[in-house]
Amino acid sequence: MLILEADKNNLKVLQKELVTSGSVNVYPVEFRLNEDWDGMNRVAVFTNGIEMISIPLDGTNQCQIPWEVMTEPNRQLRVGIFGTEGETVVLPTIWANLGIIQQGTTMGDEPQEPTPGIYQNLQRMIGNLADLTTEHRDSLV
């Protein structure tokens, strides 16, 4: 779990973890907010420098990192939050650095038959010795 603390407009990372590209719904984020955030609608904003996705925080001030910002490895992942109250109060934080998105494992191609080695090729050329009609197979090369 990633844990961040917001003291008015300052957002500080308290705990982070390694994140990998291709991840979906596996990185919960908790925001610990001071009293400046009381009564506000709170939205987390995640960016990888290309995509920027806003996620409303739930009643426990948590959300998941959206998969849309996790598609590209080797990009800087950042988060900020902003709060609104009515039409006159808006409180944005600074961006907090969550680290570089590491390359995640991807599905490989379906396995193919391996290229036959010398032994397999010779065996294929000779054929199945059980199909031979000779009675003295012990001298076959």
C-alpha atoms as a PDB file:
ATOM      1  CA  MET A   1       0.000   0.000   0.000  1.00  0.00           C
ATOM      2  CA  LEU A   2       1.103   3.537  -0.722  1.00  0.00           C
ATOM      3  CA  ILE A   3       0.450   6.077   2.019  1.00  0.00           C
ATOM      4  CA  LEU A   4       0.581   9.847   1.578  1.00  0.00           C
ATOM      5  CA  GLU A   5      -0.014  12.681   3.988  1.00  0.00           C
ATOM      6  CA  ALA A   6      -1.566  16.013   3.025  1.00  0.00           C
ATOM      7  CA  ASP A   7      -0.912  18.996   5.285  1.00  0.00           C
ATOM      8  CA  LYS A   8      -3.001  21.650   3.543  1.00  0.00           C
ATOM      9  CA  ASN A   9      -1.332  21.916   0.096  1.00  0.00           C
ATOM     10  CA  ASN A  10       1.820  19.916   0.911  1.00  0.00           C
ATOM     11  CA  LEU A  11       1.653  16.233  -0.064  1.00  0.00           C
ATOM     12  CA  LYS A  12       4.314  13.933   1.372  1.00  0.00           C
ATOM     13  CA  VAL A  13       4.950  10.239   0.650  1.00  0.00           C
ATOM     14  CA  LEU A  14       5.048   8.226   3.881  1.00  0.00           C
ATOM     15  CA  GLN A  15       5.177   4.766   2.323  1.00  0.00           C
ATOM     16  CA  LYS A  16       5.583   3.607  -1.257  1.00  0.00           C
ATOM     17  CA  GLU A  17       6.242   0.379  -3.082  1.00  0.00           C
ATOM     18  CA  LEU A  18       7.628  -0.777  -6.393  1.00  0.00           C
ATOM     19  CA  VAL A  19       5.037  -0.415  -9.174  1.00  0.00           C
ATOM     20  CA  THR A  20       5.080  -2.257 -12.497  1.00  0.00           C
ATOM     21  CA  SER A  21       3.633  -1.495 -15.900  1.00  0.00           C
ATOM     22  CA  GLY A  22       0.559  -3.462 -16.889  1.00  0.00           C
ATOM     23  CA  SER A  23      -0.793  -3.564 -13.321  1.00  0.00           C
ATOM     24  CA  VAL A  24      -4.549  -3.219 -12.758  1.00  0.00           C
ATOM     25  CA  ASN A  25      -6.223  -2.727  -9.352  1.00  0.00           C
ATOM     26  CA  VAL A  26      -3.243  -3.859  -7.279  1.00  0.00           C
ATOM     27  CA  TYR A  27      -1.920  -0.634  -5.776  1.00  0.00           C
ATOM     28  CA  PRO A  28      -4.182   0.878  -3.112  1.00  0.00           C
ATOM     29  CA  VAL A  29      -3.320   4.406  -2.044  1.00  0.00           C
ATOM     30  CA  GLU A  30      -4.304   5.927   1.294  1.00  0.00           C
ATOM     31  CA  PHE A  31      -4.320   9.670   1.880  1.00  0.00           C
ATOM     32  CA  ARG A  32      -4.017  10.990   5.425  1.00  0.00           C
ATOM     33  CA  LEU A  33      -5.479  14.484   5.427  1.00  0.00           C
ATOM     34  CA  ASN A  34      -5.293  17.208   8.058  1.00  0.00           C
ATOM     35  CA  GLU A  35      -8.263  19.335   9.190  1.00  0.00           C
ATOM     36  CA  ASP A  36      -7.881  21.708   6.195  1.00  0.00           C
ATOM     37  CA  TRP A  37      -9.546  18.969   4.139  1.00  0.00           C
ATOM     38  CA  ASP A  38     -12.612  18.560   6.370  1.00  0.00           C
ATOM     39  CA  GLY A  39     -15.884  18.902   4.441  1.00  0.00           C
ATOM     40  CA  MET A  40     -14.213  18.918   1.016  1.00  0.00           C
ATOM     41  CA  ASN A  41     -14.841  16.693  -1.967  1.00  0.00           C
ATOM     42  CA  ARG A  42     -11.460  15.029  -2.531  1.00  0.00           C
ATOM     43  CA  VAL A  43     -10.023  13.839  -5.825  1.00  0.00           C
ATOM     44  CA  ALA A  44      -6.655  12.162  -6.446  1.00  0.00           C
ATOM     45  CA  VAL A  45      -4.909  12.896  -9.733  1.00  0.00           C
ATOM     46  CA  PHE A  46      -2.325  10.433 -11.080  1.00  0.00           C
ATOM     47  CA  THR A  47       0.022  11.097 -13.991  1.00  0.00           C
ATOM     48  CA  ASN A  48       2.867   9.353 -15.782  1.00  0.00           C
ATOM     49  CA  GLY A  49       3.747  12.491 -17.728  1.00  0.00           C
ATOM     50  CA  ILE A  50       1.517  11.492 -20.646  1.00  0.00           C
ATOM     51  CA  GLU A  51      -1.776  10.336 -19.145  1.00  0.00           C
ATOM     52  CA  MET A  52      -3.509  12.166 -16.301  1.00  0.00           C
ATOM     53  CA  ILE A  53      -6.420  10.414 -14.536  1.00  0.00           C
ATOM     54  CA  SER A  54      -8.602  11.781 -11.709  1.00  0.00           C
ATOM     55  CA  ILE A  55     -10.106   9.388  -9.149  1.00  0.00           C
ATOM     56  CA  PRO A  56     -12.547  10.486  -6.410  1.00  0.00           C
ATOM     57  CA  LEU A  57     -11.447   9.309  -2.972  1.00  0.00           C
ATOM     58  CA  ASP A  58     -13.784   6.977  -1.106  1.00  0.00           C
ATOM     59  CA  GLY A  59     -15.049   7.553   2.447  1.00  0.00           C
ATOM     60  CA  THR A  60     -11.753   6.237   3.856  1.00  0.00           C
ATOM     61  CA  ASN A  61      -9.669   8.576   1.652  1.00  0.00           C
ATOM     62  CA  GLN A  62      -8.411   5.675  -0.440  1.00  0.00           C
ATOM     63  CA  CYS A  63      -8.348   4.738  -4.116  1.00  0.00           C
ATOM     64  CA  GLN A  64      -6.455   2.490  -6.531  1.00  0.00           C
ATOM     65  CA  ILE A  65      -3.799   3.746  -8.923  1.00  0.00           C
ATOM     66  CA  PRO A  66      -5.630   3.788 -12.272  1.00  0.00           C
ATOM     67  CA  TRP A  67      -4.347   1.310 -14.847  1.00  0.00           C
ATOM     68  CA  GLU A  68      -4.262   3.983 -17.553  1.00  0.00           C
ATOM     69  CA  VAL A  69      -1.170   5.571 -15.991  1.00  0.00           C
ATOM     70  CA  MET A  70       0.503   2.169 -15.544  1.00  0.00           C
ATOM     71  CA  THR A  71       0.759   1.187 -19.218  1.00  0.00           C
ATOM     72  CA  GLU A  72       4.176   2.721 -19.958  1.00  0.00           C
ATOM     73  CA  PRO A  73       7.308   1.524 -18.128  1.00  0.00           C
ATOM     74  CA  ASN A  74      10.213   3.821 -17.250  1.00  0.00           C
ATOM     75  CA  ARG A  75       7.940   6.800 -16.676  1.00  0.00           C
ATOM     76  CA  GLN A  76       7.772   8.913 -13.512  1.00  0.00           C
ATOM     77  CA  LEU A  77       4.551   8.255 -11.572  1.00  0.00           C
ATOM     78  CA  ARG A  78       3.224  11.249  -9.640  1.00  0.00           C
ATOM     79  CA  VAL A  79       0.106  11.975  -7.640  1.00  0.00           C
ATOM     80  CA  GLY A  80      -1.607  15.061  -6.271  1.00  0.00           C
ATOM     81  CA  ILE A  81      -4.981  15.708  -4.709  1.00  0.00           C
ATOM     82  CA  PHE A  82      -7.363  18.587  -4.807  1.00  0.00           C
ATOM     83  CA  GLY A  83     -10.387  19.406  -2.773  1.00  0.00           C
ATOM     84  CA  THR A  84     -13.442  21.457  -3.545  1.00  0.00           C
ATOM     85  CA  GLU A  85     -16.110  22.879  -1.294  1.00  0.00           C
ATOM     86  CA  GLY A  86     -18.991  24.654  -2.957  1.00  0.00           C
ATOM     87  CA  GLU A  87     -17.937  26.916  -5.789  1.00  0.00           C
ATOM     88  CA  THR A  88     -15.477  29.109  -3.948  1.00  0.00           C
ATOM     89  CA  VAL A  89     -12.971  26.861  -2.165  1.00  0.00           C
ATOM     90  CA  VAL A  90     -10.408  24.889  -4.147  1.00  0.00           C
ATOM     91  CA  LEU A  91      -7.347  23.358  -2.489  1.00  0.00           C
ATOM     92  CA  PRO A  92      -4.715  21.655  -4.704  1.00  0.00           C
ATOM     93  CA  THR A  93      -1.587  19.998  -3.353  1.00  0.00           C
ATOM     94  CA  ILE A  94       1.851  19.862  -4.868  1.00  0.00           C
ATOM     95  CA  TRP A  95       2.756  16.711  -6.817  1.00  0.00           C
ATOM     96  CA  ALA A  96       4.248  13.796  -4.902  1.00  0.00           C
ATOM     97  CA  ASN A  97       6.714  11.450  -6.601  1.00  0.00           C
ATOM     98  CA  LEU A  98       5.753   7.758  -6.406  1.00  0.00           C
ATOM     99  CA  GLY A  99       8.832   6.549  -8.342  1.00  0.00           C
ATOM    100  CA  ILE A 100       9.570   5.097 -11.741  1.00  0.00           C
ATOM    101  CA  ILE A 101       7.119   2.597 -13.237  1.00  0.00           C
ATOM    102  CA  GLN A 102       9.166  -0.571 -13.683  1.00  0.00           C
ATOM    103  CA  GLN A 103       8.754  -2.904 -16.672  1.00  0.00           C
ATOM    104  CA  GLY A 104       6.202  -5.562 -15.748  1.00  0.00           C
ATOM    105  CA  THR A 105       6.134  -9.058 -17.153  1.00  0.00           C
ATOM    106  CA  THR A 106       3.954  -9.493 -20.206  1.00  0.00           C
ATOM    107  CA  MET A 107       2.401 -12.591 -21.682  1.00  0.00           C
ATOM    108  CA  GLY A 108       4.760 -14.283 -24.117  1.00  0.00           C
ATOM    109  CA  ASP A 109       3.796 -15.991 -27.331  1.00  0.00           C
ATOM    110  CA  GLU A 110       2.258 -19.433 -27.244  1.00  0.00           C
ATOM    111  CA  PRO A 111       4.986 -22.066 -27.010  1.00  0.00           C
ATOM    112  CA  GLN A 112       6.136 -23.594 -30.272  1.00  0.00           C
ATOM    113  CA  GLU A 113       7.724 -26.958 -30.858  1.00  0.00           C
ATOM    114  CA  PRO A 114      11.480 -26.643 -30.300  1.00  0.00           C
ATOM    115  CA  THR A 115      13.796 -26.914 -33.267  1.00  0.00           C
ATOM    116  CA  PRO A 116      14.862 -30.548 -33.541  1.00  0.00           C
ATOM    117  CA  GLY A 117      18.453 -31.298 -32.544  1.00  0.00           C
ATOM    118  CA  ILE A 118      20.862 -33.667 -34.319  1.00  0.00           C
ATOM    119  CA  TYR A 119      19.614 -36.705 -32.397  1.00  0.00           C
ATOM    120  CA  GLN A 120      15.959 -35.974 -33.212  1.00  0.00           C
ATOM    121  CA  ASN A 121      16.782 -35.430 -36.902  1.00  0.00           C
ATOM    122  CA  LEU A 122      18.703 -38.744 -37.122  1.00  0.00           C
ATOM    123  CA  GLN A 123      15.890 -40.526 -35.334  1.00  0.00           C
ATOM    124  CA  ARG A 124      13.364 -39.062 -37.770  1.00  0.00           C
ATOM    125  CA  MET A 125      15.510 -40.122 -40.750  1.00  0.00           C
ATOM    126  CA  ILE A 126      15.948 -43.680 -39.440  1.00  0.00           C
ATOM    127  CA  GLY A 127      12.314 -44.033 -38.481  1.00  0.00           C
ATOM    128  CA  ASN A 128      10.837 -46.283 -35.820  1.00  0.00           C
ATOM    129  CA  LEU A 129      12.984 -49.400 -35.337  1.00  0.00           C
ATOM    130  CA  ALA A 130       9.941 -51.301 -34.094  1.00  0.00           C
ATOM    131  CA  ASP A 131       8.532 -51.085 -37.616  1.00  0.00           C
ATOM    132  CA  LEU A 132      11.501 -53.030 -39.086  1.00  0.00           C
ATOM    133  CA  THR A 133      10.821 -56.598 -40.154  1.00  0.00           C
ATOM    134  CA  THR A 134      14.372 -57.891 -39.573  1.00  0.00           C
ATOM    135  CA  GLU A 135      14.907 -60.262 -36.663  1.00  0.00           C
ATOM    136  CA  HIS A 136      18.479 -59.159 -35.792  1.00  0.00           C
ATOM    137  CA  ARG A 137      18.163 -55.507 -34.724  1.00  0.00           C
ATOM    138  CA  ASP A 138      21.107 -55.577 -32.332  1.00  0.00           C
ATOM    139  CA  SER A 139      23.594 -54.887 -35.159  1.00  0.00           C
ATOM    140  CA  LEU A 140      21.724 -51.891 -36.605  1.00  0.00           C
ATOM    141  CA  VAL A 141      23.502 -48.538 -36.510  1.00  0.00           C
END
